[in-house]
PDB file of N, CA and C in Angstrom:
ATOM      1  N   UNK A   1       0.839  -1.193   0.061  1.00  0.00           N
ATOM      2  CA  UNK A   1      -0.090   0.065  -0.092  1.00  0.00           C
ATOM      3  C   UNK A   1       0.738   1.330  -0.113  1.00  0.00           C
ATOM      4  N   UNK A   2       0.558   2.270  -0.804  1.00  0.00           N
ATOM      5  CA  UNK A   2       1.406   3.434  -1.107  1.00  0.00           C
ATOM      6  C   UNK A   2       0.646   4.529  -0.362  1.00  0.00           C
ATOM      7  N   UNK A   3       1.393   4.977   0.872  1.00  0.00           N
ATOM      8  CA  UNK A   3       0.889   6.205   1.420  1.00  0.00           C
ATOM      9  C   UNK A   3       1.460   7.598   1.045  1.00  0.00           C
ATOM     10  N   UNK A   4       2.305   7.599  -0.062  1.00  0.00           N
ATOM     11  CA  UNK A   4       2.863   8.756  -0.453  1.00  0.00           C
ATOM     12  C   UNK A   4       1.827   9.261  -1.405  1.00  0.00           C
ATOM     13  N   UNK A   5       1.229  10.781  -1.178  1.00  0.00           N
ATOM     14  CA  UNK A   5       0.234  11.320  -2.120  1.00  0.00           C
ATOM     15  C   UNK A   5       1.039  11.856  -3.175  1.00  0.00           C
ATOM     16  N   UNK A   6       0.119  11.590  -4.304  1.00  0.00           N
ATOM     17  CA  UNK A   6       0.665  12.116  -5.518  1.00  0.00           C
ATOM     18  C   UNK A   6       0.515  13.532  -5.654  1.00  0.00           C
ATOM     19  N   UNK A   7       1.454  14.284  -6.156  1.00  0.00           N
ATOM     20  CA  UNK A   7       1.553  15.503  -6.536  1.00  0.00           C
ATOM     21  C   UNK A   7       1.379  15.957  -7.944  1.00  0.00           C
ATOM     22  N   UNK A   8       0.438  16.983  -8.277  1.00  0.00           N
ATOM     23  CA  UNK A   8       0.270  17.516  -9.475  1.00  0.00           C
ATOM     24  C   UNK A   8       0.909  18.843  -9.808  1.00  0.00           C
ATOM     25  N   UNK A   9       1.493  19.299 -10.887  1.00  0.00           N
ATOM     26  CA  UNK A   9       1.726  20.489 -11.225  1.00  0.00           C
ATOM     27  C   UNK A   9       0.669  21.336 -11.701  1.00  0.00           C
ATOM     28  N   UNK A  10       0.989  22.669 -12.120  1.00  0.00           N
ATOM     29  CA  UNK A  10       0.011  23.194 -12.515  1.00  0.00           C
ATOM     30  C   UNK A  10      -0.819  23.036 -13.699  1.00  0.00           C
ATOM     31  N   UNK A  11      -0.003  22.504 -14.636  1.00  0.00           N
ATOM     32  CA  UNK A  11      -0.447  22.038 -15.992  1.00  0.00           C
ATOM     33  C   UNK A  11      -1.415  20.897 -15.701  1.00  0.00           C
ATOM     34  N   UNK A  12      -1.249  20.010 -14.856  1.00  0.00           N
ATOM     35  CA  UNK A  12      -1.974  19.090 -14.538  1.00  0.00           C
ATOM     36  C   UNK A  12      -3.146  19.305 -13.860  1.00  0.00           C
ATOM     37  N   UNK A  13      -3.228  20.386 -13.014  1.00  0.00           N
ATOM     38  CA  UNK A  13      -4.271  20.991 -12.420  1.00  0.00           C
ATOM     39  C   UNK A  13      -5.315  21.474 -13.268  1.00  0.00           C
ATOM     40  N   UNK A  14      -4.661  22.404 -14.168  1.00  0.00           N
ATOM     41  CA  UNK A  14      -5.416  23.179 -15.131  1.00  0.00           C
ATOM     42  C   UNK A  14      -6.273  21.994 -16.156  1.00  0.00           C
ATOM     43  N   UNK A  15      -5.594  20.914 -16.441  1.00  0.00           N
ATOM     44  CA  UNK A  15      -6.134  19.816 -17.297  1.00  0.00           C
ATOM     45  C   UNK A  15      -7.312  19.237 -16.931  1.00  0.00           C
ATOM     46  N   UNK A  16      -7.073  18.954 -15.288  1.00  0.00           N
ATOM     47  CA  UNK A  16      -8.189  18.171 -14.689  1.00  0.00           C
ATOM     48  C   UNK A  16      -9.349  18.963 -14.367  1.00  0.00           C
ATOM     49  N   UNK A  17      -9.000  20.453 -14.043  1.00  0.00           N
ATOM     50  CA  UNK A  17     -10.215  21.296 -13.491  1.00  0.00           C
ATOM     51  C   UNK A  17     -10.974  21.847 -14.651  1.00  0.00           C
ATOM     52  N   UNK A  18     -10.151  22.137 -15.918  1.00  0.00           N
ATOM     53  CA  UNK A  18     -10.590  22.928 -17.013  1.00  0.00           C
ATOM     54  C   UNK A  18     -10.436  24.285 -16.579  1.00  0.00           C
ATOM     55  N   UNK A  19      -9.919  24.769 -15.568  1.00  0.00           N
ATOM     56  CA  UNK A  19      -9.529  26.115 -15.214  1.00  0.00           C
ATOM     57  C   UNK A  19      -8.358  26.748 -15.318  1.00  0.00           C
ATOM     58  N   UNK A  20      -8.232  28.129 -16.042  1.00  0.00           N
ATOM     59  CA  UNK A  20      -7.045  28.543 -16.182  1.00  0.00           C
ATOM     60  C   UNK A  20      -6.236  29.052 -14.736  1.00  0.00           C
ATOM     61  N   UNK A  21      -4.950  29.253 -15.137  1.00  0.00           N
ATOM     62  CA  UNK A  21      -4.014  29.533 -13.982  1.00  0.00           C
ATOM     63  C   UNK A  21      -4.687  30.696 -13.105  1.00  0.00           C
ATOM     64  N   UNK A  22      -5.119  31.598 -13.735  1.00  0.00           N
ATOM     65  CA  UNK A  22      -5.491  32.952 -13.017  1.00  0.00           C
ATOM     66  C   UNK A  22      -6.814  32.435 -12.185  1.00  0.00           C
ATOM     67  N   UNK A  23      -7.739  31.804 -12.751  1.00  0.00           N
ATOM     68  CA  UNK A  23      -8.974  31.335 -11.923  1.00  0.00           C
ATOM     69  C   UNK A  23      -8.531  30.336 -10.829  1.00  0.00           C
ATOM     70  N   UNK A  24      -7.392  29.534 -11.079  1.00  0.00           N
ATOM     71  CA  UNK A  24      -7.043  28.641  -9.953  1.00  0.00           C
ATOM     72  C   UNK A  24      -6.565  29.302  -8.790  1.00  0.00           C
ATOM     73  N   UNK A  25      -5.694  30.409  -9.321  1.00  0.00           N
ATOM     74  CA  UNK A  25      -5.194  31.272  -7.996  1.00  0.00           C
ATOM     75  C   UNK A  25      -6.147  32.301  -7.368  1.00  0.00           C
ATOM     76  N   UNK A  26      -7.171  32.595  -8.280  1.00  0.00           N
ATOM     77  CA  UNK A  26      -8.180  33.562  -7.345  1.00  0.00           C
ATOM     78  C   UNK A  26      -9.073  32.683  -6.568  1.00  0.00           C
ATOM     79  N   UNK A  27      -9.118  31.400  -6.963  1.00  0.00           N
ATOM     80  CA  UNK A  27     -10.166  30.514  -6.124  1.00  0.00           C
ATOM     81  C   UNK A  27      -9.507  30.350  -5.012  1.00  0.00           C
ATOM     82  N   UNK A  28      -7.856  30.140  -4.965  1.00  0.00           N
ATOM     83  CA  UNK A  28      -7.179  29.683  -3.723  1.00  0.00           C
ATOM     84  C   UNK A  28      -7.292  30.988  -2.759  1.00  0.00           C
ATOM     85  N   UNK A  29      -7.113  32.182  -3.228  1.00  0.00           N
ATOM     86  CA  UNK A  29      -7.227  33.398  -2.464  1.00  0.00           C
ATOM     87  C   UNK A  29      -8.541  33.372  -1.618  1.00  0.00           C
ATOM     88  N   UNK A  30      -9.597  32.976  -2.506  1.00  0.00           N
ATOM     89  CA  UNK A  30     -10.931  32.914  -1.890  1.00  0.00           C
ATOM     90  C   UNK A  30     -11.262  31.742  -0.912  1.00  0.00           C
ATOM     91  N   UNK A  31     -10.332  31.050  -0.877  1.00  0.00           N
ATOM     92  CA  UNK A  31     -10.498  29.814   0.028  1.00  0.00           C
ATOM     93  C   UNK A  31     -11.507  28.733  -0.608  1.00  0.00           C
ATOM     94  N   UNK A  32     -11.652  28.591  -1.857  1.00  0.00           N
ATOM     95  CA  UNK A  32     -12.557  27.696  -2.482  1.00  0.00           C
ATOM     96  C   UNK A  32     -11.876  26.585  -3.202  1.00  0.00           C
ATOM     97  N   UNK A  33     -10.554  26.829  -3.277  1.00  0.00           N
ATOM     98  CA  UNK A  33      -9.787  25.713  -4.107  1.00  0.00           C
ATOM     99  C   UNK A  33      -8.566  25.358  -3.401  1.00  0.00           C
ATOM    100  N   UNK A  34      -8.017  24.136  -3.040  1.00  0.00           N
ATOM    101  CA  UNK A  34      -7.148  23.799  -2.410  1.00  0.00           C
ATOM    102  C   UNK A  34      -5.668  24.420  -2.560  1.00  0.00           C
ATOM    103  N   UNK A  35      -5.043  24.763  -1.656  1.00  0.00           N
ATOM    104  CA  UNK A  35      -3.661  25.509  -1.786  1.00  0.00           C
ATOM    105  C   UNK A  35      -2.821  24.789  -2.251  1.00  0.00           C
ATOM    106  N   UNK A  36      -1.812  25.018  -2.958  1.00  0.00           N
ATOM    107  CA  UNK A  36      -0.653  24.001  -3.359  1.00  0.00           C
ATOM    108  C   UNK A  36       0.290  23.873  -2.010  1.00  0.00           C
ATOM    109  N   UNK A  37       1.048  22.832  -2.210  1.00  0.00           N
ATOM    110  CA  UNK A  37       2.161  22.479  -1.211  1.00  0.00           C
ATOM    111  C   UNK A  37       3.629  23.302  -1.878  1.00  0.00           C
ATOM    112  N   UNK A  38       4.211  24.131  -0.858  1.00  0.00           N
ATOM    113  CA  UNK A  38       5.584  24.762  -1.482  1.00  0.00           C
ATOM    114  C   UNK A  38       6.534  23.641  -1.202  1.00  0.00           C
ATOM    115  N   UNK A  39       7.003  23.256  -2.289  1.00  0.00           N
ATOM    116  CA  UNK A  39       8.162  22.315  -2.119  1.00  0.00           C
ATOM    117  C   UNK A  39       9.477  23.370  -2.282  1.00  0.00           C
ATOM    118  N   UNK A  40       9.626  24.531  -2.786  1.00  0.00           N
ATOM    119  CA  UNK A  40      10.735  25.349  -2.847  1.00  0.00           C
ATOM    120  C   UNK A  40      10.056  26.406  -3.110  1.00  0.00           C
ATOM    121  N   UNK A  41      11.020  27.592  -3.199  1.00  0.00           N
ATOM    122  CA  UNK A  41      10.546  29.182  -3.367  1.00  0.00           C
ATOM    123  C   UNK A  41       9.791  29.128  -4.589  1.00  0.00           C
ATOM    124  N   UNK A  42      10.400  28.445  -5.757  1.00  0.00           N
ATOM    125  CA  UNK A  42       9.678  28.372  -7.135  1.00  0.00           C
ATOM    126  C   UNK A  42       9.028  27.292  -7.580  1.00  0.00           C
ATOM    127  N   UNK A  43       8.588  26.290  -6.605  1.00  0.00           N
ATOM    128  CA  UNK A  43       7.962  24.960  -6.953  1.00  0.00           C
ATOM    129  C   UNK A  43       6.831  24.686  -6.000  1.00  0.00           C
ATOM    130  N   UNK A  44       5.519  24.820  -6.738  1.00  0.00           N
ATOM    131  CA  UNK A  44       4.432  24.366  -6.080  1.00  0.00           C
ATOM    132  C   UNK A  44       3.738  23.201  -6.496  1.00  0.00           C
ATOM    133  N   UNK A  45       3.201  22.373  -5.698  1.00  0.00           N
ATOM    134  CA  UNK A  45       2.256  21.058  -6.323  1.00  0.00           C
ATOM    135  C   UNK A  45       1.131  21.268  -5.590  1.00  0.00           C
ATOM    136  N   UNK A  46       0.015  20.346  -6.109  1.00  0.00           N
ATOM    137  CA  UNK A  46      -1.165  20.172  -5.454  1.00  0.00           C
ATOM    138  C   UNK A  46      -1.288  18.601  -5.206  1.00  0.00           C
ATOM    139  N   UNK A  47      -1.874  18.304  -4.049  1.00  0.00           N
ATOM    140  CA  UNK A  47      -2.253  17.068  -3.698  1.00  0.00           C
ATOM    141  C   UNK A  47      -3.333  16.474  -4.672  1.00  0.00           C
ATOM    142  N   UNK A  48      -2.901  15.432  -5.341  1.00  0.00           N
ATOM    143  CA  UNK A  48      -3.982  14.798  -6.169  1.00  0.00           C
ATOM    144  C   UNK A  48      -5.200  14.545  -5.409  1.00  0.00           C
ATOM    145  N   UNK A  49      -5.249  13.963  -4.308  1.00  0.00           N
ATOM    146  CA  UNK A  49      -6.448  13.545  -3.857  1.00  0.00           C
ATOM    147  C   UNK A  49      -7.435  14.963  -3.451  1.00  0.00           C
ATOM    148  N   UNK A  50      -6.530  16.163  -2.914  1.00  0.00           N
ATOM    149  CA  UNK A  50      -7.415  17.244  -2.817  1.00  0.00           C
ATOM    150  C   UNK A  50      -7.947  17.938  -3.897  1.00  0.00           C
ATOM    151  N   UNK A  51      -7.321  17.866  -5.090  1.00  0.00           N
ATOM    152  CA  UNK A  51      -7.761  18.368  -6.420  1.00  0.00           C
ATOM    153  C   UNK A  51      -9.131  17.341  -6.685  1.00  0.00           C
ATOM    154  N   UNK A  52      -8.958  16.159  -6.763  1.00  0.00           N
ATOM    155  CA  UNK A  52     -10.026  14.985  -6.876  1.00  0.00           C
ATOM    156  C   UNK A  52     -11.219  15.468  -6.194  1.00  0.00           C
ATOM    157  N   UNK A  53     -11.070  15.663  -4.933  1.00  0.00           N
ATOM    158  CA  UNK A  53     -12.164  15.796  -3.955  1.00  0.00           C
ATOM    159  C   UNK A  53     -12.965  17.077  -4.204  1.00  0.00           C
ATOM    160  N   UNK A  54     -11.913  18.260  -4.804  1.00  0.00           N
ATOM    161  CA  UNK A  54     -12.731  19.453  -4.998  1.00  0.00           C
ATOM    162  C   UNK A  54     -13.419  19.277  -6.404  1.00  0.00           C
ATOM    163  N   UNK A  55     -13.010  18.589  -7.329  1.00  0.00           N
ATOM    164  CA  UNK A  55     -13.693  18.304  -8.516  1.00  0.00           C
ATOM    165  C   UNK A  55     -14.937  17.513  -8.163  1.00  0.00           C
ATOM    166  N   UNK A  56     -15.177  16.491  -7.237  1.00  0.00           N
ATOM    167  CA  UNK A  56     -16.272  15.889  -7.045  1.00  0.00           C
ATOM    168  C   UNK A  56     -17.195  16.740  -6.358  1.00  0.00           C
ATOM    169  N   UNK A  57     -16.672  17.612  -5.393  1.00  0.00           N
ATOM    170  CA  UNK A  57     -17.522  18.662  -4.746  1.00  0.00           C
ATOM    171  C   UNK A  57     -18.204  19.528  -5.683  1.00  0.00           C
ATOM    172  N   UNK A  58     -17.414  20.076  -6.631  1.00  0.00           N
ATOM    173  CA  UNK A  58     -17.943  21.058  -7.695  1.00  0.00           C
ATOM    174  C   UNK A  58     -18.595  20.525  -8.683  1.00  0.00           C
ATOM    175  N   UNK A  59     -18.466  19.094  -9.206  1.00  0.00           N
ATOM    176  CA  UNK A  59     -19.030  18.695 -10.361  1.00  0.00           C
ATOM    177  C   UNK A  59     -19.720  17.205 -10.139  1.00  0.00           C
ATOM    178  N   UNK A  60     -19.543  16.954  -8.967  1.00  0.00           N
ATOM    179  CA  UNK A  60     -20.165  15.409  -8.493  1.00  0.00           C
ATOM    180  C   UNK A  60     -21.562  15.740  -8.182  1.00  0.00           C
ATOM    181  N   UNK A  61     -22.263  14.424  -8.183  1.00  0.00           N
ATOM    182  CA  UNK A  61     -23.583  14.388  -7.816  1.00  0.00           C
ATOM    183  C   UNK A  61     -23.753  13.790  -6.751  1.00  0.00           C
TER     184      UNK A  61
END
């Protein structure tokens, strides 16, 4: 069993959510989208599970 979370880059998040970069960061600022994990000063990634949960909450039935 793998307990290491899969991390997504901005391109993968954009593809999965059909949102642009500006819309993603605007929603993060509003608190309506998962914040990224800062891996370094210039590297951010999103937890796949959090993005998937957001998609299901926004578009799921």
